[in-house]
Each structure stands twice: as structure tokens, then as C-alpha cells.
Amino acid sequence: MRINLTTLCENTAAEVGFLAEWGWSILVQVNDETVLFDTGTSSIAVRIADKRGVDLHSIDTIVLSHAHKDHTGG
């Protein structure tokens, strides 16, 4: 089983050129399944996905952990 986690949004930006916000979004890839776990607060997750070369069209499922804007606003 292959598991890959890609942080798309969180409240720090350790790499130069990346943005941070008070939000959370993780791309979870398990074998051939791709799940977006939360969407962050804004479009930052989409912008970081683009910078990392992540094709958001490949997402099979979106899971929202709870209804706070920092997890569902993006």
C-alpha cells in the first residue's frame, strides 16, 4: 500500500514562495485513490496545488472534517 500526503494549506509557509493561512487542506493519495481532506479558508490550497503540480481534477473524493470556515471555505 502506497500512501502519499501533500499539504496544500495550513498556517505556516516554510518554503519560499508559498502562502499560509489559518486553514487546513491535505491531499491524501492511497494507491490509486485521491482524497482532498478539507479545503482551507480561501483559494490558497488551489494555488499551492498548482505550484506543486497537483492535478485537482484527479480528486476522487472530498472529505470535510467539520463545518468551520477554515476547513470548508476554499
PDB file of N, CA and C in Angstrom:
ATOM      1  N   MET A   1       0.848  -1.170   0.000  1.00  0.00           N
ATOM      2  CA  MET A   1       0.000   0.000   0.000  1.00  0.00           C
ATOM      3  C   MET A   1       0.894   1.233   0.000  1.00  0.00           C
ATOM      4  N   ARG A   2       0.605   2.153  -0.925  1.00  0.00           N
ATOM      5  CA  ARG A   2       1.341   3.402  -1.024  1.00  0.00           C
ATOM      6  C   ARG A   2       0.451   4.529  -0.526  1.00  0.00           C
ATOM      7  N   ILE A   3       0.948   5.310   0.444  1.00  0.00           N
ATOM      8  CA  ILE A   3       0.219   6.460   0.967  1.00  0.00           C
ATOM      9  C   ILE A   3       1.091   7.701   0.782  1.00  0.00           C
ATOM     10  N   ASN A   4       0.510   8.733   0.180  1.00  0.00           N
ATOM     11  CA  ASN A   4       1.222   9.994  -0.019  1.00  0.00           C
ATOM     12  C   ASN A   4       0.343  11.128   0.507  1.00  0.00           C
ATOM     13  N   LEU A   5       0.911  11.974   1.361  1.00  0.00           N
ATOM     14  CA  LEU A   5       0.197  13.131   1.902  1.00  0.00           C
ATOM     15  C   LEU A   5       0.865  14.398   1.382  1.00  0.00           C
ATOM     16  N   THR A   6       0.059  15.302   0.840  1.00  0.00           N
ATOM     17  CA  THR A   6       0.569  16.575   0.347  1.00  0.00           C
ATOM     18  C   THR A   6      -0.186  17.699   1.043  1.00  0.00           C
ATOM     19  N   THR A   7       0.524  18.511   1.798  1.00  0.00           N
ATOM     20  CA  THR A   7      -0.107  19.652   2.457  1.00  0.00           C
ATOM     21  C   THR A   7      -0.366  20.732   1.422  1.00  0.00           C
ATOM     22  N   LEU A   8      -1.635  21.120   1.303  1.00  0.00           N
ATOM     23  CA  LEU A   8      -1.999  22.189   0.375  1.00  0.00           C
ATOM     24  C   LEU A   8      -2.247  23.501   1.091  1.00  0.00           C
ATOM     25  N   CYS A   9      -2.600  23.425   2.354  1.00  0.00           N
ATOM     26  CA  CYS A   9      -2.902  24.642   3.089  1.00  0.00           C
ATOM     27  C   CYS A   9      -2.769  24.388   4.580  1.00  0.00           C
ATOM     28  N   GLU A  10      -2.070  25.286   5.258  1.00  0.00           N
ATOM     29  CA  GLU A  10      -2.001  25.309   6.720  1.00  0.00           C
ATOM     30  C   GLU A  10      -1.430  26.643   7.132  1.00  0.00           C
ATOM     31  N   ASN A  11      -1.184  26.860   8.406  1.00  0.00           N
ATOM     32  CA  ASN A  11      -0.889  28.215   8.876  1.00  0.00           C
ATOM     33  C   ASN A  11       0.594  28.585   8.920  1.00  0.00           C
ATOM     34  N   THR A  12       1.446  27.815   8.259  1.00  0.00           N
ATOM     35  CA  THR A  12       2.847  28.218   8.109  1.00  0.00           C
ATOM     36  C   THR A  12       3.246  28.037   6.646  1.00  0.00           C
ATOM     37  N   ALA A  13       4.249  28.742   6.241  1.00  0.00           N
ATOM     38  CA  ALA A  13       4.764  28.611   4.872  1.00  0.00           C
ATOM     39  C   ALA A  13       6.280  28.491   4.972  1.00  0.00           C
ATOM     40  N   ALA A  14       6.756  27.281   5.151  1.00  0.00           N
ATOM     41  CA  ALA A  14       8.182  27.047   5.357  1.00  0.00           C
ATOM     42  C   ALA A  14       8.988  27.211   4.070  1.00  0.00           C
ATOM     43  N   GLU A  15       8.357  27.029   2.920  1.00  0.00           N
ATOM     44  CA  GLU A  15       9.065  27.126   1.651  1.00  0.00           C
ATOM     45  C   GLU A  15       8.861  28.512   1.042  1.00  0.00           C
ATOM     46  N   VAL A  16       9.912  29.076   0.496  1.00  0.00           N
ATOM     47  CA  VAL A  16       9.849  30.395  -0.130  1.00  0.00           C
ATOM     48  C   VAL A  16       8.867  30.342  -1.301  1.00  0.00           C
ATOM     49  N   GLY A  17       8.030  31.361  -1.380  1.00  0.00           N
ATOM     50  CA  GLY A  17       7.075  31.444  -2.483  1.00  0.00           C
ATOM     51  C   GLY A  17       5.738  30.788  -2.204  1.00  0.00           C
ATOM     52  N   PHE A  18       5.595  30.133  -1.054  1.00  0.00           N
ATOM     53  CA  PHE A  18       4.331  29.513  -0.689  1.00  0.00           C
ATOM     54  C   PHE A  18       3.591  30.412   0.290  1.00  0.00           C
ATOM     55  N   LEU A  19       2.274  30.304   0.304  1.00  0.00           N
ATOM     56  CA  LEU A  19       1.435  31.131   1.160  1.00  0.00           C
ATOM     57  C   LEU A  19       0.880  30.309   2.317  1.00  0.00           C
ATOM     58  N   ALA A  20       0.514  30.997   3.383  1.00  0.00           N
ATOM     59  CA  ALA A  20      -0.081  30.344   4.544  1.00  0.00           C
ATOM     60  C   ALA A  20      -1.370  31.060   4.894  1.00  0.00           C
ATOM     61  N   GLU A  21      -2.265  30.357   5.564  1.00  0.00           N
ATOM     62  CA  GLU A  21      -3.488  30.956   6.074  1.00  0.00           C
ATOM     63  C   GLU A  21      -3.961  30.123   7.256  1.00  0.00           C
ATOM     64  N   TRP A  22      -4.867  30.688   8.037  1.00  0.00           N
ATOM     65  CA  TRP A  22      -5.450  29.933   9.128  1.00  0.00           C
ATOM     66  C   TRP A  22      -6.493  29.005   8.509  1.00  0.00           C
ATOM     67  N   GLY A  23      -6.019  27.865   8.050  1.00  0.00           N
ATOM     68  CA  GLY A  23      -6.860  26.894   7.385  1.00  0.00           C
ATOM     69  C   GLY A  23      -6.129  25.579   7.261  1.00  0.00           C
ATOM     70  N   TRP A  24      -6.783  24.596   6.667  1.00  0.00           N
ATOM     71  CA  TRP A  24      -6.216  23.259   6.589  1.00  0.00           C
ATOM     72  C   TRP A  24      -6.715  22.570   5.337  1.00  0.00           C
ATOM     73  N   SER A  25      -5.809  21.949   4.591  1.00  0.00           N
ATOM     74  CA  SER A  25      -6.177  21.151   3.431  1.00  0.00           C
ATOM     75  C   SER A  25      -5.029  20.194   3.135  1.00  0.00           C
ATOM     76  N   ILE A  26      -5.360  18.920   3.047  1.00  0.00           N
ATOM     77  CA  ILE A  26      -4.376  17.877   2.773  1.00  0.00           C
ATOM     78  C   ILE A  26      -4.878  17.010   1.626  1.00  0.00           C
ATOM     79  N   LEU A  27      -4.002  16.700   0.682  1.00  0.00           N
ATOM     80  CA  LEU A  27      -4.318  15.756  -0.373  1.00  0.00           C
ATOM     81  C   LEU A  27      -3.795  14.393   0.062  1.00  0.00           C
ATOM     82  N   VAL A  28      -4.671  13.410   0.118  1.00  0.00           N
ATOM     83  CA  VAL A  28      -4.315  12.065   0.560  1.00  0.00           C
ATOM     84  C   VAL A  28      -4.413  11.130  -0.642  1.00  0.00           C
ATOM     85  N   GLN A  29      -3.304  10.482  -0.974  1.00  0.00           N
ATOM     86  CA  GLN A  29      -3.299   9.521  -2.074  1.00  0.00           C
ATOM     87  C   GLN A  29      -2.951   8.153  -1.513  1.00  0.00           C
ATOM     88  N   VAL A  30      -3.877   7.215  -1.676  1.00  0.00           N
ATOM     89  CA  VAL A  30      -3.682   5.837  -1.236  1.00  0.00           C
ATOM     90  C   VAL A  30      -3.855   4.954  -2.458  1.00  0.00           C
ATOM     91  N   ASN A  31      -2.759   4.343  -2.866  1.00  0.00           N
ATOM     92  CA  ASN A  31      -2.744   3.562  -4.104  1.00  0.00           C
ATOM     93  C   ASN A  31      -3.283   4.426  -5.246  1.00  0.00           C
ATOM     94  N   ASP A  32      -4.407   4.090  -5.833  1.00  0.00           N
ATOM     95  CA  ASP A  32      -4.938   4.856  -6.969  1.00  0.00           C
ATOM     96  C   ASP A  32      -6.090   5.778  -6.582  1.00  0.00           C
ATOM     97  N   GLU A  33      -6.343   5.963  -5.302  1.00  0.00           N
ATOM     98  CA  GLU A  33      -7.444   6.794  -4.819  1.00  0.00           C
ATOM     99  C   GLU A  33      -6.890   8.123  -4.311  1.00  0.00           C
ATOM    100  N   THR A  34      -7.531   9.237  -4.702  1.00  0.00           N
ATOM    101  CA  THR A  34      -7.096  10.559  -4.271  1.00  0.00           C
ATOM    102  C   THR A  34      -8.237  11.245  -3.524  1.00  0.00           C
ATOM    103  N   VAL A  35      -7.958  11.668  -2.286  1.00  0.00           N
ATOM    104  CA  VAL A  35      -8.957  12.296  -1.431  1.00  0.00           C
ATOM    105  C   VAL A  35      -8.438  13.673  -1.011  1.00  0.00           C
ATOM    106  N   LEU A  36      -9.279  14.683  -1.142  1.00  0.00           N
ATOM    107  CA  LEU A  36      -8.964  16.001  -0.606  1.00  0.00           C
ATOM    108  C   LEU A  36      -9.626  16.090   0.754  1.00  0.00           C
ATOM    109  N   PHE A  37      -8.801  16.235   1.797  1.00  0.00           N
ATOM    110  CA  PHE A  37      -9.311  16.331   3.163  1.00  0.00           C
ATOM    111  C   PHE A  37      -9.304  17.798   3.560  1.00  0.00           C
ATOM    112  N   ASP A  38     -10.474  18.396   3.608  1.00  0.00           N
ATOM    113  CA  ASP A  38     -10.693  19.817   3.899  1.00  0.00           C
ATOM    114  C   ASP A  38     -10.172  20.688   2.758  1.00  0.00           C
ATOM    115  N   THR A  39     -10.663  21.941   2.712  1.00  0.00           N
ATOM    116  CA  THR A  39     -10.348  22.820   1.579  1.00  0.00           C
ATOM    117  C   THR A  39      -9.700  24.141   1.974  1.00  0.00           C
ATOM    118  N   GLY A  40      -9.411  24.330   3.261  1.00  0.00           N
ATOM    119  CA  GLY A  40      -8.822  25.589   3.702  1.00  0.00           C
ATOM    120  C   GLY A  40      -9.850  26.710   3.738  1.00  0.00           C
ATOM    121  N   THR A  41      -9.365  27.936   3.879  1.00  0.00           N
ATOM    122  CA  THR A  41     -10.236  29.100   4.015  1.00  0.00           C
ATOM    123  C   THR A  41     -10.490  29.811   2.692  1.00  0.00           C
ATOM    124  N   SER A  42      -9.510  29.775   1.790  1.00  0.00           N
ATOM    125  CA  SER A  42      -9.600  30.549   0.549  1.00  0.00           C
ATOM    126  C   SER A  42      -9.075  29.701  -0.612  1.00  0.00           C
ATOM    127  N   SER A  43      -8.645  30.373  -1.664  1.00  0.00           N
ATOM    128  CA  SER A  43      -8.125  29.658  -2.839  1.00  0.00           C
ATOM    129  C   SER A  43      -6.647  29.292  -2.702  1.00  0.00           C
ATOM    130  N   ILE A  44      -6.058  29.506  -1.540  1.00  0.00           N
ATOM    131  CA  ILE A  44      -4.630  29.200  -1.368  1.00  0.00           C
ATOM    132  C   ILE A  44      -4.336  27.723  -1.652  1.00  0.00           C
ATOM    133  N   ALA A  45      -5.186  26.808  -1.231  1.00  0.00           N
ATOM    134  CA  ALA A  45      -4.960  25.376  -1.495  1.00  0.00           C
ATOM    135  C   ALA A  45      -4.863  25.113  -2.990  1.00  0.00           C
ATOM    136  N   VAL A  46      -5.704  25.776  -3.774  1.00  0.00           N
ATOM    137  CA  VAL A  46      -5.682  25.606  -5.232  1.00  0.00           C
ATOM    138  C   VAL A  46      -4.375  26.162  -5.798  1.00  0.00           C
ATOM    139  N   ARG A  47      -3.964  27.313  -5.316  1.00  0.00           N
ATOM    140  CA  ARG A  47      -2.723  27.937  -5.794  1.00  0.00           C
ATOM    141  C   ARG A  47      -1.506  27.085  -5.446  1.00  0.00           C
ATOM    142  N   ILE A  48      -1.480  26.514  -4.242  1.00  0.00           N
ATOM    143  CA  ILE A  48      -0.351  25.667  -3.849  1.00  0.00           C
ATOM    144  C   ILE A  48      -0.366  24.359  -4.627  1.00  0.00           C
ATOM    145  N   ALA A  49      -1.552  23.799  -4.859  1.00  0.00           N
ATOM    146  CA  ALA A  49      -1.649  22.591  -5.678  1.00  0.00           C
ATOM    147  C   ALA A  49      -1.036  22.845  -7.047  1.00  0.00           C
ATOM    148  N   ASP A  50      -1.338  23.981  -7.629  1.00  0.00           N
ATOM    149  CA  ASP A  50      -0.777  24.339  -8.935  1.00  0.00           C
ATOM    150  C   ASP A  50       0.740  24.446  -8.865  1.00  0.00           C
ATOM    151  N   LYS A  51       1.257  25.098  -7.813  1.00  0.00           N
ATOM    152  CA  LYS A  51       2.716  25.227  -7.645  1.00  0.00           C
ATOM    153  C   LYS A  51       3.397  23.871  -7.498  1.00  0.00           C
ATOM    154  N   ARG A  52       2.710  22.927  -6.840  1.00  0.00           N
ATOM    155  CA  ARG A  52       3.276  21.594  -6.611  1.00  0.00           C
ATOM    156  C   ARG A  52       3.009  20.636  -7.774  1.00  0.00           C
ATOM    157  N   GLY A  53       2.289  21.099  -8.795  1.00  0.00           N
ATOM    158  CA  GLY A  53       1.994  20.244  -9.945  1.00  0.00           C
ATOM    159  C   GLY A  53       0.906  19.216  -9.676  1.00  0.00           C
ATOM    160  N   VAL A  54       0.037  19.502  -8.706  1.00  0.00           N
ATOM    161  CA  VAL A  54      -1.047  18.586  -8.348  1.00  0.00           C
ATOM    162  C   VAL A  54      -2.249  18.875  -9.244  1.00  0.00           C
ATOM    163  N   ASP A  55      -2.744  17.861  -9.939  1.00  0.00           N
ATOM    164  CA  ASP A  55      -3.924  17.984 -10.785  1.00  0.00           C
ATOM    165  C   ASP A  55      -5.164  17.761  -9.927  1.00  0.00           C
ATOM    166  N   LEU A  56      -5.871  18.827  -9.600  1.00  0.00           N
ATOM    167  CA  LEU A  56      -7.052  18.712  -8.747  1.00  0.00           C
ATOM    168  C   LEU A  56      -8.193  17.973  -9.441  1.00  0.00           C
ATOM    169  N   HIS A  57      -8.121  17.823 -10.760  1.00  0.00           N
ATOM    170  CA  HIS A  57      -9.126  17.025 -11.468  1.00  0.00           C
ATOM    171  C   HIS A  57      -9.001  15.543 -11.137  1.00  0.00           C
ATOM    172  N   SER A  58      -7.890  15.145 -10.547  1.00  0.00           N
ATOM    173  CA  SER A  58      -7.676  13.730 -10.204  1.00  0.00           C
ATOM    174  C   SER A  58      -8.323  13.347  -8.882  1.00  0.00           C
ATOM    175  N   ILE A  59      -8.924  14.309  -8.166  1.00  0.00           N
ATOM    176  CA  ILE A  59      -9.540  14.024  -6.867  1.00  0.00           C
ATOM    177  C   ILE A  59     -10.778  13.158  -7.058  1.00  0.00           C
ATOM    178  N   ASP A  60     -10.834  12.066  -6.306  1.00  0.00           N
ATOM    179  CA  ASP A  60     -11.981  11.155  -6.359  1.00  0.00           C
ATOM    180  C   ASP A  60     -13.039  11.524  -5.330  1.00  0.00           C
ATOM    181  N   THR A  61     -12.586  12.009  -4.162  1.00  0.00           N
ATOM    182  CA  THR A  61     -13.495  12.279  -3.050  1.00  0.00           C
ATOM    183  C   THR A  61     -13.011  13.507  -2.295  1.00  0.00           C
ATOM    184  N   ILE A  62     -13.956  14.312  -1.803  1.00  0.00           N
ATOM    185  CA  ILE A  62     -13.637  15.427  -0.916  1.00  0.00           C
ATOM    186  C   ILE A  62     -14.293  15.145   0.429  1.00  0.00           C
ATOM    187  N   VAL A  63     -13.498  15.205   1.495  1.00  0.00           N
ATOM    188  CA  VAL A  63     -13.991  14.977   2.852  1.00  0.00           C
ATOM    189  C   VAL A  63     -13.838  16.270   3.633  1.00  0.00           C
ATOM    190  N   LEU A  64     -14.928  16.733   4.240  1.00  0.00           N
ATOM    191  CA  LEU A  64     -14.879  17.919   5.090  1.00  0.00           C
ATOM    192  C   LEU A  64     -15.003  17.460   6.537  1.00  0.00           C
ATOM    193  N   SER A  65     -13.986  17.755   7.336  1.00  0.00           N
ATOM    194  CA  SER A  65     -13.949  17.241   8.705  1.00  0.00           C
ATOM    195  C   SER A  65     -15.032  17.851   9.592  1.00  0.00           C
ATOM    196  N   HIS A  66     -15.291  19.140   9.409  1.00  0.00           N
ATOM    197  CA  HIS A  66     -16.352  19.811  10.154  1.00  0.00           C
ATOM    198  C   HIS A  66     -16.629  21.158   9.489  1.00  0.00           C
ATOM    199  N   ALA A  67     -17.684  21.829   9.907  1.00  0.00           N
ATOM    200  CA  ALA A  67     -18.219  22.969   9.164  1.00  0.00           C
ATOM    201  C   ALA A  67     -17.625  24.324   9.527  1.00  0.00           C
ATOM    202  N   HIS A  68     -16.406  24.375  10.006  1.00  0.00           N
ATOM    203  CA  HIS A  68     -15.772  25.665  10.256  1.00  0.00           C
ATOM    204  C   HIS A  68     -15.169  26.185   8.952  1.00  0.00           C
ATOM    205  N   LYS A  69     -15.212  27.509   8.763  1.00  0.00           N
ATOM    206  CA  LYS A  69     -14.756  28.106   7.509  1.00  0.00           C
ATOM    207  C   LYS A  69     -13.296  27.784   7.165  1.00  0.00           C
ATOM    208  N   ASP A  70     -12.441  27.607   8.184  1.00  0.00           N
ATOM    209  CA  ASP A  70     -11.031  27.320   7.904  1.00  0.00           C
ATOM    210  C   ASP A  70     -10.814  25.903   7.363  1.00  0.00           C
ATOM    211  N   HIS A  71     -11.879  25.107   7.314  1.00  0.00           N
ATOM    212  CA  HIS A  71     -11.806  23.763   6.744  1.00  0.00           C
ATOM    213  C   HIS A  71     -12.678  23.617   5.499  1.00  0.00           C
ATOM    214  N   THR A  72     -13.602  24.565   5.290  1.00  0.00           N
ATOM    215  CA  THR A  72     -14.578  24.409   4.192  1.00  0.00           C
ATOM    216  C   THR A  72     -14.676  25.599   3.256  1.00  0.00           C
ATOM    217  N   GLY A  73     -13.942  26.674   3.500  1.00  0.00           N
ATOM    218  CA  GLY A  73     -14.121  27.903   2.737  1.00  0.00           C
ATOM    219  C   GLY A  73     -13.415  27.937   1.395  1.00  0.00           C
ATOM    220  N   GLY A  74     -12.469  27.048   1.180  1.00  0.00           N
ATOM    221  CA  GLY A  74     -11.670  27.081  -0.051  1.00  0.00           C
ATOM    222  C   GLY A  74     -12.360  26.500  -1.254  1.00  0.00           C
TER     223      GLY A  74
END
